[in-house]
Amino acid sequence: MQKILFLVLCAIIAIFQYELWYGRGGIYDSKALENSISQQEKTNQKLQDRNDLIVDHLQELKGSADLMEARARKELNLIKPNEMLVVLPDDASAPISGKK
């Protein structure tokens, strides 16, 4: 009788250990979740830094009309009447274009 009771207790302990290590919410799931969270925090930090730079740049644009005009000229190729705009490409292999 004691042997059967001992084997039943060992089986119960083994089942609980299996659930602890491999079951839902077990140790392996917890470690995988911690790794996922740390990777997401790194990604979020990079995005937050980028957003901070954009906000800083927008604050600069709001404060200076000259800076806003320069950016509009560069990005939108805007020109004033009787003005010639020459756009130089980023790479040297592309041809130079001009607008009048």
Protein backbone atom coordinates (compact mmCIF):
# COMPACT_ATOMS: atom_id res chain seq x y z
CA MET A 1 0.00 0.00 0.00
CA GLN A 2 2.83 2.37 0.87
CA LYS A 3 4.51 1.71 -2.49
CA ILE A 4 1.33 2.60 -4.37
CA LEU A 5 0.87 5.74 -2.29
CA PHE A 6 4.50 6.70 -2.89
CA LEU A 7 4.14 6.17 -6.67
CA VAL A 8 0.92 8.21 -6.75
CA LEU A 9 2.60 11.07 -4.87
CA CYS A 10 5.60 10.93 -7.22
CA ALA A 11 3.25 11.04 -10.22
CA ILE A 12 1.40 14.05 -8.79
CA ILE A 13 4.68 15.86 -8.12
CA ALA A 14 5.86 15.06 -11.67
CA ILE A 15 2.62 16.46 -13.12
CA PHE A 16 3.00 19.66 -11.11
CA GLN A 17 6.63 20.00 -12.19
CA TYR A 18 5.67 19.54 -15.82
CA GLU A 19 3.00 22.23 -15.51
CA LEU A 20 5.49 24.53 -13.77
CA TRP A 21 8.10 24.22 -16.51
CA TYR A 22 6.16 23.58 -19.72
CA GLY A 23 2.55 24.50 -19.00
CA ARG A 24 0.69 27.67 -19.94
CA GLY A 25 2.28 30.55 -18.07
CA GLY A 26 5.16 28.33 -17.01
CA ILE A 27 8.81 29.22 -16.70
CA TYR A 28 9.61 28.84 -20.43
CA ASP A 29 6.62 30.98 -21.44
CA SER A 30 7.64 33.58 -18.89
CA LYS A 31 11.21 33.78 -20.24
CA ALA A 32 9.96 34.05 -23.83
CA LEU A 33 7.59 36.84 -22.81
CA GLU A 34 10.38 38.72 -21.00
CA ASN A 35 12.57 38.53 -24.13
CA SER A 36 9.72 39.76 -26.29
CA ILE A 37 9.06 42.67 -23.92
CA SER A 38 12.73 43.71 -23.86
CA GLN A 39 12.90 43.68 -27.68
CA GLN A 40 9.71 45.74 -27.90
CA GLU A 41 11.07 48.24 -25.36
CA LYS A 42 14.19 48.71 -27.51
CA THR A 43 12.04 49.26 -30.59
CA ASN A 44 9.83 51.70 -28.71
CA GLN A 45 12.86 53.64 -27.49
CA LYS A 46 14.17 54.02 -31.05
CA LEU A 47 10.76 55.25 -32.20
CA GLN A 48 10.51 57.64 -29.26
CA ASP A 49 13.93 59.10 -30.08
CA ARG A 50 12.85 59.59 -33.70
CA ASN A 51 9.62 61.25 -32.59
CA ASP A 52 11.53 63.57 -30.27
CA LEU A 53 13.76 64.65 -33.17
CA ILE A 54 10.72 65.33 -35.33
CA VAL A 55 9.08 67.37 -32.58
CA ASP A 56 12.28 69.39 -32.10
CA HIS A 57 12.48 70.05 -35.83
CA LEU A 58 8.84 71.13 -35.94
CA GLN A 59 9.47 73.54 -33.08
CA GLU A 60 12.37 75.01 -35.06
CA LEU A 61 10.15 75.38 -38.13
CA LYS A 62 7.44 77.13 -36.14
CA GLY A 63 9.95 79.59 -34.75
CA SER A 64 11.66 80.60 -38.00
CA ALA A 65 9.93 81.61 -41.23
CA ASP A 66 13.27 81.54 -43.08
CA LEU A 67 13.88 77.94 -42.07
CA MET A 68 10.35 76.98 -43.14
CA GLU A 69 10.89 78.67 -46.52
CA ALA A 70 14.23 76.93 -47.02
CA ARG A 71 12.72 73.55 -46.26
CA ALA A 72 9.78 74.16 -48.60
CA ARG A 73 12.17 75.19 -51.37
CA LYS A 74 14.26 72.08 -50.87
CA GLU A 75 11.50 69.50 -50.54
CA LEU A 76 8.83 70.97 -52.83
CA ASN A 77 11.08 72.77 -55.34
CA LEU A 78 9.18 76.04 -54.84
CA ILE A 79 10.40 79.14 -56.66
CA LYS A 80 9.64 82.85 -56.62
CA PRO A 81 8.60 84.78 -59.76
CA ASN A 82 11.54 85.52 -62.10
CA GLU A 83 13.74 83.09 -60.20
CA MET A 84 15.61 80.08 -61.52
CA LEU A 85 15.94 77.02 -59.31
CA VAL A 86 18.67 74.52 -59.95
CA VAL A 87 18.18 71.20 -58.18
CA LEU A 88 21.32 69.17 -57.65
CA PRO A 89 20.69 65.44 -57.26
CA ASP A 90 21.84 63.56 -54.20
CA ASP A 91 24.02 61.23 -56.24
CA ALA A 92 26.50 62.47 -58.84
CA SER A 93 25.34 60.11 -61.64
CA ALA A 94 21.91 61.77 -62.14
CA PRO A 95 21.63 64.72 -64.53
CA ILE A 96 21.15 68.28 -63.27
CA SER A 97 17.68 69.74 -63.81
CA GLY A 98 16.41 73.31 -63.70
CA LYS A 99 13.08 75.11 -63.53
CA LYS A 100 12.19 78.59 -64.59
